[in-house]
Amino acid sequence: MEEEPLAEQAPEPEDDGPRPLGVEVRPTGHGGVDAQLARLADADHLGVPGHLEVYEDVHRGLRETLAALDQPAGPPVPGPSPIPRS
């Protein structure tokens, strides 16, 4: 009785060297976001194991940029002055 051949598997990569993704990043018009997106290009020059560090750094930077949008700009606005009592 013949055994059926195993399903073909994708070949394992030979190395973990740089593999550019070739993803186009277009400017958003927001300096903080654009700087983080530009950082993604750093992953193209790293081996695959180094990609995670770049992705985590970009994710952290984008979260900080978005959180900063929730913060009021400038000094705090003073509340109404108390009514003097006589």
Protein backbone atom coordinates (compact mmCIF):
# COMPACT_ATOMS: atom_id res chain seq x y z
CA MET A 1 0.00 0.00 0.00
CA GLU A 2 1.44 3.39 -1.05
CA GLU A 3 1.50 6.29 1.35
CA GLU A 4 0.03 9.55 0.17
CA PRO A 5 2.62 12.35 -0.14
CA LEU A 6 2.48 15.04 2.49
CA ALA A 7 0.95 18.34 1.46
CA GLU A 8 3.54 20.64 -0.01
CA GLN A 9 4.81 23.19 2.45
CA ALA A 10 6.27 26.57 1.68
CA PRO A 11 10.04 26.38 1.74
CA GLU A 12 11.70 27.82 4.81
CA PRO A 13 13.60 31.05 4.19
CA GLU A 14 17.32 30.48 4.00
CA ASP A 15 18.20 33.46 6.19
CA ASP A 16 16.67 36.18 8.28
CA GLY A 17 18.41 38.96 6.36
CA PRO A 18 16.79 42.19 5.19
CA ARG A 19 13.63 41.79 3.14
CA PRO A 20 12.21 45.14 2.07
CA LEU A 21 8.43 45.19 2.14
CA GLY A 22 8.17 47.90 -0.50
CA VAL A 23 5.21 49.53 1.21
CA GLU A 24 4.58 53.09 0.04
CA VAL A 25 3.98 55.57 2.87
CA ARG A 26 2.21 58.78 1.89
CA PRO A 27 2.45 61.91 4.05
CA THR A 28 -0.56 62.59 6.24
CA GLY A 29 0.15 66.26 6.81
CA HIS A 30 0.66 65.73 10.55
CA GLY A 31 4.36 66.02 11.40
CA GLY A 32 4.28 63.60 14.34
CA VAL A 33 2.46 60.88 12.42
CA ASP A 34 4.59 61.36 9.31
CA ALA A 35 7.78 61.01 11.37
CA GLN A 36 6.56 57.71 12.82
CA LEU A 37 5.50 56.37 9.43
CA ALA A 38 8.88 57.33 7.96
CA ARG A 39 10.49 55.25 10.73
CA LEU A 40 8.86 52.15 9.19
CA ALA A 41 11.39 52.38 6.36
CA ASP A 42 14.07 51.41 8.92
CA ALA A 43 12.64 47.88 8.95
CA ASP A 44 13.63 47.45 5.29
CA HIS A 45 17.30 47.61 6.25
CA LEU A 46 17.07 45.14 9.15
CA GLY A 47 16.88 41.39 9.29
CA VAL A 48 13.46 39.94 9.96
CA PRO A 49 14.09 39.53 13.73
CA GLY A 50 14.74 43.31 13.95
CA HIS A 51 11.38 44.24 12.43
CA LEU A 52 9.47 43.73 15.67
CA GLU A 53 11.50 46.37 17.51
CA VAL A 54 10.80 48.94 14.77
CA TYR A 55 7.08 48.10 14.65
CA GLU A 56 6.76 48.36 18.43
CA ASP A 57 8.63 51.67 18.45
CA VAL A 58 6.38 53.10 15.70
CA HIS A 59 3.25 51.82 17.47
CA ARG A 60 4.36 53.44 20.73
CA GLY A 61 5.12 56.71 18.95
CA LEU A 62 1.75 56.77 17.20
CA ARG A 63 -0.06 56.09 20.49
CA GLU A 64 1.84 58.97 22.14
CA THR A 65 1.04 61.27 19.21
CA LEU A 66 -2.65 60.41 19.39
CA ALA A 67 -2.73 60.79 23.18
CA ALA A 68 -1.16 64.24 22.84
CA LEU A 69 -4.11 65.29 20.67
CA ASP A 70 -6.38 64.79 23.68
CA GLN A 71 -4.32 67.19 25.80
CA PRO A 72 -5.47 70.82 25.87
CA ALA A 73 -3.06 73.23 24.20
CA GLY A 74 -1.46 75.97 26.26
CA PRO A 75 -1.72 76.71 29.95
CA PRO A 76 -4.83 75.66 31.86
CA VAL A 77 -7.72 78.10 31.70
CA PRO A 78 -8.50 79.54 35.13
CA GLY A 79 -11.98 78.94 36.44
CA PRO A 80 -14.34 81.73 37.53
CA SER A 81 -13.06 83.75 40.44
CA PRO A 82 -14.88 83.16 43.69
CA ILE A 83 -17.51 85.67 44.68
CA PRO A 84 -16.26 87.64 47.69
CA ARG A 85 -18.49 87.36 50.75
CA SER A 86 -18.90 90.25 53.12
